[in-house]
PDB file of all heavy atoms in Angstrom:
ATOM      1  N   PHE A   1       7.811  19.129  -9.698  1.00  0.00           N
ATOM      2  CA  PHE A   1       7.897  17.810  -9.054  1.00  0.00           C
ATOM      3  C   PHE A   1       9.347  17.474  -8.724  1.00  0.00           C
ATOM      4  O   PHE A   1       9.675  17.083  -7.599  1.00  0.00           O
ATOM      5  CB  PHE A   1       7.307  16.753  -9.991  1.00  0.00           C
ATOM      6  CG  PHE A   1       7.314  15.364  -9.426  1.00  0.00           C
ATOM      7  CD1 PHE A   1       6.234  14.886  -8.701  1.00  0.00           C
ATOM      8  CD2 PHE A   1       8.385  14.507  -9.646  1.00  0.00           C
ATOM      9  CE1 PHE A   1       6.227  13.598  -8.183  1.00  0.00           C
ATOM     10  CE2 PHE A   1       8.393  13.221  -9.135  1.00  0.00           C
ATOM     11  CZ  PHE A   1       7.313  12.769  -8.402  1.00  0.00           C
ATOM     12  N   GLY A   2      10.231  17.636  -9.699  1.00  0.00           N
ATOM     13  CA  GLY A   2      11.638  17.297  -9.484  1.00  0.00           C
ATOM     14  C   GLY A   2      12.335  18.228  -8.519  1.00  0.00           C
ATOM     15  O   GLY A   2      13.128  17.784  -7.671  1.00  0.00           O
ATOM     16  N   ALA A   3      12.044  19.523  -8.612  1.00  0.00           N
ATOM     17  CA  ALA A   3      12.696  20.490  -7.742  1.00  0.00           C
ATOM     18  C   ALA A   3      12.318  20.257  -6.282  1.00  0.00           C
ATOM     19  O   ALA A   3      13.163  20.355  -5.390  1.00  0.00           O
ATOM     20  CB  ALA A   3      12.317  21.909  -8.167  1.00  0.00           C
ATOM     21  N   VAL A   4      11.057  19.932  -6.036  1.00  0.00           N
ATOM     22  CA  VAL A   4      10.606  19.662  -4.669  1.00  0.00           C
ATOM     23  C   VAL A   4      11.326  18.429  -4.107  1.00  0.00           C
ATOM     24  O   VAL A   4      11.748  18.414  -2.943  1.00  0.00           O
ATOM     25  CB  VAL A   4       9.081  19.475  -4.614  1.00  0.00           C
ATOM     26  CG1 VAL A   4       8.641  18.918  -3.260  1.00  0.00           C
ATOM     27  CG2 VAL A   4       8.380  20.795  -4.874  1.00  0.00           C
ATOM     28  N   GLY A   5      11.482  17.397  -4.945  1.00  0.00           N
ATOM     29  CA  GLY A   5      12.168  16.186  -4.502  1.00  0.00           C
ATOM     30  C   GLY A   5      13.592  16.467  -4.054  1.00  0.00           C
ATOM     31  O   GLY A   5      14.026  16.009  -2.980  1.00  0.00           O
ATOM     32  N   PHE A   6      14.341  17.233  -4.856  1.00  0.00           N
ATOM     33  CA  PHE A   6      15.724  17.557  -4.494  1.00  0.00           C
ATOM     34  C   PHE A   6      15.774  18.464  -3.265  1.00  0.00           C
ATOM     35  O   PHE A   6      16.680  18.349  -2.435  1.00  0.00           O
ATOM     36  CB  PHE A   6      16.437  18.232  -5.676  1.00  0.00           C
ATOM     37  CG  PHE A   6      17.010  17.254  -6.654  1.00  0.00           C
ATOM     38  CD1 PHE A   6      16.382  17.005  -7.860  1.00  0.00           C
ATOM     39  CD2 PHE A   6      18.179  16.571  -6.369  1.00  0.00           C
ATOM     40  CE1 PHE A   6      16.900  16.096  -8.765  1.00  0.00           C
ATOM     41  CE2 PHE A   6      18.723  15.657  -7.271  1.00  0.00           C
ATOM     42  CZ  PHE A   6      18.078  15.420  -8.470  1.00  0.00           C
ATOM     43  N   THR A   7      14.792  19.368  -3.143  1.00  0.00           N
ATOM     44  CA  THR A   7      14.766  20.259  -1.981  1.00  0.00           C
ATOM     45  C   THR A   7      14.553  19.474  -0.690  1.00  0.00           C
ATOM     46  O   THR A   7      15.231  19.718   0.318  1.00  0.00           O
ATOM     47  CB  THR A   7      13.644  21.304  -2.148  1.00  0.00           C
ATOM     48  OG1 THR A   7      13.877  22.066  -3.339  1.00  0.00           O
ATOM     49  CG2 THR A   7      13.612  22.238  -0.952  1.00  0.00           C
ATOM     50  N   PHE A   8      13.617  18.533  -0.719  1.00  0.00           N
ATOM     51  CA  PHE A   8      13.381  17.699   0.457  1.00  0.00           C
ATOM     52  C   PHE A   8      14.633  16.903   0.807  1.00  0.00           C
ATOM     53  O   PHE A   8      15.002  16.774   1.976  1.00  0.00           O
ATOM     54  CB  PHE A   8      12.211  16.747   0.209  1.00  0.00           C
ATOM     55  CG  PHE A   8      10.883  17.305   0.622  1.00  0.00           C
ATOM     56  CD1 PHE A   8      10.262  18.284  -0.130  1.00  0.00           C
ATOM     57  CD2 PHE A   8      10.246  16.861   1.762  1.00  0.00           C
ATOM     58  CE1 PHE A   8       9.038  18.816   0.235  1.00  0.00           C
ATOM     59  CE2 PHE A   8       9.029  17.367   2.154  1.00  0.00           C
ATOM     60  CZ  PHE A   8       8.412  18.354   1.384  1.00  0.00           C
ATOM     61  N   GLY A   9      15.289  16.346  -0.219  1.00  0.00           N
ATOM     62  CA  GLY A   9      16.495  15.573   0.015  1.00  0.00           C
ATOM     63  C   GLY A   9      17.600  16.409   0.639  1.00  0.00           C
ATOM     64  O   GLY A   9      18.274  15.982   1.588  1.00  0.00           O
ATOM     65  N   ALA A  10      17.766  17.635   0.130  1.00  0.00           N
ATOM     66  CA  ALA A  10      18.800  18.526   0.654  1.00  0.00           C
ATOM     67  C   ALA A  10      18.504  18.943   2.092  1.00  0.00           C
ATOM     68  O   ALA A  10      19.419  19.095   2.919  1.00  0.00           O
ATOM     69  CB  ALA A  10      18.923  19.757  -0.232  1.00  0.00           C
ATOM     70  N   PHE A  11      17.226  19.122   2.416  1.00  0.00           N
ATOM     71  CA  PHE A  11      16.840  19.552   3.755  1.00  0.00           C
ATOM     72  C   PHE A  11      16.986  18.418   4.770  1.00  0.00           C
ATOM     73  O   PHE A  11      17.445  18.631   5.895  1.00  0.00           O
ATOM     74  CB  PHE A  11      15.391  20.048   3.741  1.00  0.00           C
ATOM     75  CG  PHE A  11      14.869  20.424   5.102  1.00  0.00           C
ATOM     76  CD1 PHE A  11      15.245  21.616   5.707  1.00  0.00           C
ATOM     77  CD2 PHE A  11      14.003  19.578   5.780  1.00  0.00           C
ATOM     78  CE1 PHE A  11      14.767  21.957   6.968  1.00  0.00           C
ATOM     79  CE2 PHE A  11      13.521  19.911   7.046  1.00  0.00           C
ATOM     80  CZ  PHE A  11      13.902  21.110   7.629  1.00  0.00           C
ATOM     81  N   VAL A  12      16.613  17.209   4.372  1.00  0.00           N
ATOM     82  CA  VAL A  12      16.589  16.072   5.299  1.00  0.00           C
ATOM     83  C   VAL A  12      17.992  15.535   5.589  1.00  0.00           C
ATOM     84  O   VAL A  12      18.289  15.127   6.720  1.00  0.00           O
ATOM     85  CB  VAL A  12      15.683  14.955   4.743  1.00  0.00           C
ATOM     86  CG1 VAL A  12      15.912  13.637   5.475  1.00  0.00           C
ATOM     87  CG2 VAL A  12      14.217  15.373   4.855  1.00  0.00           C
ATOM     88  N   SER A  13      18.865  15.540   4.592  1.00  0.00           N
ATOM     89  CA  SER A  13      20.178  14.901   4.727  1.00  0.00           C
ATOM     90  C   SER A  13      20.950  15.309   5.974  1.00  0.00           C
ATOM     91  O   SER A  13      21.510  14.447   6.677  1.00  0.00           O
ATOM     92  CB  SER A  13      21.015  15.169   3.470  1.00  0.00           C
ATOM     93  OG  SER A  13      20.436  14.531   2.340  1.00  0.00           O
ATOM     94  N   PRO A  14      21.030  16.610   6.311  1.00  0.00           N
ATOM     95  CA  PRO A  14      21.816  16.979   7.511  1.00  0.00           C
ATOM     96  C   PRO A  14      21.172  16.541   8.825  1.00  0.00           C
ATOM     97  O   PRO A  14      21.866  16.468   9.847  1.00  0.00           O
ATOM     98  CB  PRO A  14      21.871  18.519   7.427  1.00  0.00           C
ATOM     99  CG  PRO A  14      21.453  18.873   6.045  1.00  0.00           C
ATOM    100  CD  PRO A  14      20.531  17.791   5.602  1.00  0.00           C
ATOM    101  N   LEU A  15      19.864  16.271   8.821  1.00  0.00           N
ATOM    102  CA  LEU A  15      19.159  15.966  10.067  1.00  0.00           C
ATOM    103  C   LEU A  15      19.651  14.673  10.713  1.00  0.00           C
ATOM    104  O   LEU A  15      19.604  14.532  11.935  1.00  0.00           O
ATOM    105  CB  LEU A  15      17.646  15.868   9.817  1.00  0.00           C
ATOM    106  CG  LEU A  15      16.957  17.142   9.315  1.00  0.00           C
ATOM    107  CD1 LEU A  15      15.462  16.897   9.125  1.00  0.00           C
ATOM    108  CD2 LEU A  15      17.185  18.301  10.277  1.00  0.00           C
ATOM    109  N   VAL A  16      20.121  13.725   9.878  1.00  0.00           N
ATOM    110  CA  VAL A  16      20.534  12.430  10.438  1.00  0.00           C
ATOM    111  C   VAL A  16      21.848  12.532  11.203  1.00  0.00           C
ATOM    112  O   VAL A  16      22.238  11.580  11.893  1.00  0.00           O
ATOM    113  CB  VAL A  16      20.650  11.360   9.334  1.00  0.00           C
ATOM    114  CG1 VAL A  16      19.315  11.161   8.630  1.00  0.00           C
ATOM    115  CG2 VAL A  16      21.735  11.727   8.324  1.00  0.00           C
ATOM    116  N   GLY A  17      22.533  13.664  11.085  1.00  0.00           N
ATOM    117  CA  GLY A  17      23.805  13.827  11.780  1.00  0.00           C
ATOM    118  C   GLY A  17      23.675  14.519  13.117  1.00  0.00           C
ATOM    119  O   GLY A  17      24.675  14.778  13.791  1.00  0.00           O
ATOM    120  N   ILE A  18      22.448  14.824  13.532  1.00  0.00           N
ATOM    121  CA  ILE A  18      22.229  15.525  14.796  1.00  0.00           C
ATOM    122  C   ILE A  18      22.207  14.507  15.945  1.00  0.00           C
ATOM    123  O   ILE A  18      21.367  13.609  15.979  1.00  0.00           O
ATOM    124  CB  ILE A  18      20.906  16.317  14.771  1.00  0.00           C
ATOM    125  CG1 ILE A  18      20.943  17.369  13.653  1.00  0.00           C
ATOM    126  CG2 ILE A  18      20.645  16.974  16.112  1.00  0.00           C
ATOM    127  CD1 ILE A  18      19.629  18.098  13.461  1.00  0.00           C
ATOM    128  N   GLY A  19      23.129  14.653  16.889  1.00  0.00           N
ATOM    129  CA  GLY A  19      23.149  13.766  18.050  1.00  0.00           C
ATOM    130  C   GLY A  19      23.530  12.333  17.684  1.00  0.00           C
ATOM    131  O   GLY A  19      24.350  12.088  16.794  1.00  0.00           O
ATOM    132  N   ASN A  20      22.907  11.375  18.365  1.00  0.00           N
ATOM    133  CA  ASN A  20      23.136   9.956  18.097  1.00  0.00           C
ATOM    134  C   ASN A  20      22.581   9.615  16.714  1.00  0.00           C
ATOM    135  O   ASN A  20      21.386   9.775  16.466  1.00  0.00           O
ATOM    136  CB  ASN A  20      22.417   9.127  19.181  1.00  0.00           C
ATOM    137  CG  ASN A  20      22.650   7.631  18.995  1.00  0.00           C
ATOM    138  OD1 ASN A  20      22.390   7.081  17.933  1.00  0.00           O
ATOM    139  ND2 ASN A  20      23.099   6.982  20.057  1.00  0.00           N
ATOM    140  N   ILE A  21      23.449   9.150  15.817  1.00  0.00           N
ATOM    141  CA  ILE A  21      23.031   8.961  14.433  1.00  0.00           C
ATOM    142  C   ILE A  21      21.948   7.891  14.286  1.00  0.00           C
ATOM    143  O   ILE A  21      21.082   7.986  13.418  1.00  0.00           O
ATOM    144  CB  ILE A  21      24.247   8.625  13.526  1.00  0.00           C
ATOM    145  CG1 ILE A  21      23.838   8.761  12.052  1.00  0.00           C
ATOM    146  CG2 ILE A  21      24.777   7.207  13.829  1.00  0.00           C
ATOM    147  CD1 ILE A  21      24.993   8.752  11.101  1.00  0.00           C
ATOM    148  N   MET A  22      21.947   6.888  15.149  1.00  0.00           N
ATOM    149  CA  MET A  22      20.917   5.857  15.077  1.00  0.00           C
ATOM    150  C   MET A  22      19.546   6.457  15.416  1.00  0.00           C
ATOM    151  O   MET A  22      18.565   6.279  14.683  1.00  0.00           O
ATOM    152  CB  MET A  22      21.241   4.707  16.026  1.00  0.00           C
ATOM    153  CG  MET A  22      22.591   4.064  15.794  1.00  0.00           C
ATOM    154  SD  MET A  22      22.740   3.251  14.177  1.00  0.00           S
ATOM    155  CE  MET A  22      21.866   1.714  14.490  1.00  0.00           C
ATOM    156  N   THR A  23      19.497   7.190  16.512  1.00  0.00           N
ATOM    157  CA  THR A  23      18.236   7.798  16.947  1.00  0.00           C
ATOM    158  C   THR A  23      17.749   8.840  15.942  1.00  0.00           C
ATOM    159  O   THR A  23      16.564   8.866  15.578  1.00  0.00           O
ATOM    160  CB  THR A  23      18.396   8.451  18.329  1.00  0.00           C
ATOM    161  OG1 THR A  23      18.868   7.482  19.265  1.00  0.00           O
ATOM    162  CG2 THR A  23      17.076   9.014  18.814  1.00  0.00           C
ATOM    163  N   SER A  24      18.655   9.705  15.480  1.00  0.00           N
ATOM    164  CA  SER A  24      18.256  10.766  14.551  1.00  0.00           C
ATOM    165  C   SER A  24      17.818  10.191  13.209  1.00  0.00           C
ATOM    166  O   SER A  24      16.861  10.682  12.598  1.00  0.00           O
ATOM    167  CB  SER A  24      19.399  11.768  14.358  1.00  0.00           C
ATOM    168  OG  SER A  24      20.564  11.124  13.873  1.00  0.00           O
ATOM    169  N   THR A  25      18.482   9.132  12.750  1.00  0.00           N
ATOM    170  CA  THR A  25      18.097   8.506  11.477  1.00  0.00           C
ATOM    171  C   THR A  25      16.731   7.852  11.582  1.00  0.00           C
ATOM    172  O   THR A  25      15.866   8.053  10.713  1.00  0.00           O
ATOM    173  CB  THR A  25      19.139   7.448  11.060  1.00  0.00           C
ATOM    174  OG1 THR A  25      20.403   8.088  10.849  1.00  0.00           O
ATOM    175  CG2 THR A  25      18.721   6.756   9.769  1.00  0.00           C
ATOM    176  N   PHE A  26      16.511   7.077  12.628  1.00  0.00           N
ATOM    177  CA  PHE A  26      15.217   6.394  12.778  1.00  0.00           C
ATOM    178  C   PHE A  26      14.086   7.406  12.977  1.00  0.00           C
ATOM    179  O   PHE A  26      12.973   7.211  12.485  1.00  0.00           O
ATOM    180  CB  PHE A  26      15.260   5.417  13.956  1.00  0.00           C
ATOM    181  CG  PHE A  26      16.296   4.340  13.826  1.00  0.00           C
ATOM    182  CD1 PHE A  26      16.828   3.712  14.947  1.00  0.00           C
ATOM    183  CD2 PHE A  26      16.763   3.950  12.574  1.00  0.00           C
ATOM    184  CE1 PHE A  26      17.787   2.724  14.832  1.00  0.00           C
ATOM    185  CE2 PHE A  26      17.728   2.960  12.449  1.00  0.00           C
ATOM    186  CZ  PHE A  26      18.240   2.350  13.577  1.00  0.00           C
ATOM    187  N   THR A  27      14.382   8.504  13.683  1.00  0.00           N
ATOM    188  CA  THR A  27      13.373   9.547  13.871  1.00  0.00           C
ATOM    189  C   THR A  27      13.018  10.208  12.545  1.00  0.00           C
ATOM    190  O   THR A  27      11.839  10.416  12.226  1.00  0.00           O
ATOM    191  CB  THR A  27      13.878  10.622  14.860  1.00  0.00           C
ATOM    192  OG1 THR A  27      14.191  10.002  16.112  1.00  0.00           O
ATOM    193  CG2 THR A  27      12.839  11.710  15.053  1.00  0.00           C
ATOM    194  N   THR A  28      14.046  10.517  11.759  1.00  0.00           N
ATOM    195  CA  THR A  28      13.818  11.150  10.452  1.00  0.00           C
ATOM    196  C   THR A  28      13.035  10.222   9.528  1.00  0.00           C
ATOM    197  O   THR A  28      12.096  10.659   8.847  1.00  0.00           O
ATOM    198  CB  THR A  28      15.158  11.528   9.804  1.00  0.00           C
ATOM    199  OG1 THR A  28      15.908  12.356  10.692  1.00  0.00           O
ATOM    200  CG2 THR A  28      14.943  12.268   8.491  1.00  0.00           C
ATOM    201  N   LEU A  29      13.417   8.956   9.507  1.00  0.00           N
ATOM    202  CA  LEU A  29      12.698   7.986   8.680  1.00  0.00           C
ATOM    203  C   LEU A  29      11.230   7.885   9.104  1.00  0.00           C
ATOM    204  O   LEU A  29      10.325   7.863   8.255  1.00  0.00           O
ATOM    205  CB  LEU A  29      13.361   6.610   8.792  1.00  0.00           C
ATOM    206  CG  LEU A  29      14.728   6.427   8.130  1.00  0.00           C
ATOM    207  CD1 LEU A  29      15.307   5.058   8.482  1.00  0.00           C
ATOM    208  CD2 LEU A  29      14.630   6.581   6.617  1.00  0.00           C
ATOM    209  N   THR A  30      10.998   7.833  10.403  1.00  0.00           N
ATOM    210  CA  THR A  30       9.635   7.672  10.906  1.00  0.00           C
ATOM    211  C   THR A  30       8.772   8.892  10.596  1.00  0.00           C
ATOM    212  O   THR A  30       7.635   8.758  10.125  1.00  0.00           O
ATOM    213  CB  THR A  30       9.641   7.426  12.430  1.00  0.00           C
ATOM    214  OG1 THR A  30      10.426   6.264  12.713  1.00  0.00           O
ATOM    215  CG2 THR A  30       8.236   7.205  12.947  1.00  0.00           C
ATOM    216  N   VAL A  31       9.310  10.080  10.850  1.00  0.00           N
ATOM    217  CA  VAL A  31       8.527  11.310  10.634  1.00  0.00           C
ATOM    218  C   VAL A  31       8.191  11.502   9.157  1.00  0.00           C
ATOM    219  O   VAL A  31       7.040  11.799   8.797  1.00  0.00           O
ATOM    220  CB  VAL A  31       9.283  12.535  11.188  1.00  0.00           C
ATOM    221  CG1 VAL A  31       8.578  13.829  10.778  1.00  0.00           C
ATOM    222  CG2 VAL A  31       9.396  12.450  12.698  1.00  0.00           C
ATOM    223  N   THR A  32       9.172  11.333   8.276  1.00  0.00           N
ATOM    224  CA  THR A  32       8.917  11.523   6.847  1.00  0.00           C
ATOM    225  C   THR A  32       7.938  10.473   6.313  1.00  0.00           C
ATOM    226  O   THR A  32       7.051  10.782   5.516  1.00  0.00           O
ATOM    227  CB  THR A  32      10.234  11.468   6.048  1.00  0.00           C
ATOM    228  OG1 THR A  32      10.983  10.289   6.425  1.00  0.00           O
ATOM    229  CG2 THR A  32      11.094  12.687   6.291  1.00  0.00           C
ATOM    230  N   ALA A  33       8.077   9.236   6.779  1.00  0.00           N
ATOM    231  CA  ALA A  33       7.162   8.175   6.352  1.00  0.00           C
ATOM    232  C   ALA A  33       5.748   8.430   6.867  1.00  0.00           C
ATOM    233  O   ALA A  33       4.759   8.214   6.152  1.00  0.00           O
ATOM    234  CB  ALA A  33       7.664   6.815   6.837  1.00  0.00           C
ATOM    235  N   LEU A  34       5.653   8.902   8.103  1.00  0.00           N
ATOM    236  CA  LEU A  34       4.340   9.148   8.706  1.00  0.00           C
ATOM    237  C   LEU A  34       3.600  10.271   7.977  1.00  0.00           C
ATOM    238  O   LEU A  34       2.391  10.170   7.730  1.00  0.00           O
ATOM    239  CB  LEU A  34       4.505   9.503  10.180  1.00  0.00           C
ATOM    240  CG  LEU A  34       3.206   9.683  10.993  1.00  0.00           C
ATOM    241  CD1 LEU A  34       2.359   8.417  10.952  1.00  0.00           C
ATOM    242  CD2 LEU A  34       3.536  10.061  12.431  1.00  0.00           C
ATOM    243  N   VAL A  35       4.315  11.339   7.623  1.00  0.00           N
ATOM    244  CA  VAL A  35       3.674  12.431   6.883  1.00  0.00           C
ATOM    245  C   VAL A  35       3.227  11.942   5.503  1.00  0.00           C
ATOM    246  O   VAL A  35       2.126  12.276   5.040  1.00  0.00           O
ATOM    247  CB  VAL A  35       4.623  13.636   6.747  1.00  0.00           C
ATOM    248  CG1 VAL A  35       3.968  14.731   5.907  1.00  0.00           C
ATOM    249  CG2 VAL A  35       5.007  14.189   8.109  1.00  0.00           C
ATOM    250  N   ALA A  36       4.064  11.130   4.839  1.00  0.00           N
ATOM    251  CA  ALA A  36       3.665  10.551   3.546  1.00  0.00           C
ATOM    252  C   ALA A  36       2.423   9.687   3.701  1.00  0.00           C
ATOM    253  O   ALA A  36       1.542   9.679   2.828  1.00  0.00           O
ATOM    254  CB  ALA A  36       4.817   9.730   2.968  1.00  0.00           C
ATOM    255  N   LEU A  37       2.320   8.968   4.814  1.00  0.00           N
ATOM    256  CA  LEU A  37       1.153   8.128   5.084  1.00  0.00           C
ATOM    257  C   LEU A  37      -0.106   8.984   5.252  1.00  0.00           C
ATOM    258  O   LEU A  37      -1.160   8.683   4.670  1.00  0.00           O
ATOM    259  CB  LEU A  37       1.400   7.296   6.340  1.00  0.00           C
ATOM    260  CG  LEU A  37       0.214   6.475   6.877  1.00  0.00           C
ATOM    261  CD1 LEU A  37      -0.300   5.515   5.811  1.00  0.00           C
ATOM    262  CD2 LEU A  37       0.626   5.714   8.138  1.00  0.00           C
TER     263      LEU A  37
END
């Protein structure tokens, strides 16, 4: 459980820096939230 949590965090963190940070951050938030839903 814990290892998966840190792995997801490590994978997602760089994604918000791709291109326009506002767009990439909101996209990352939306996609991760939608999959959790």
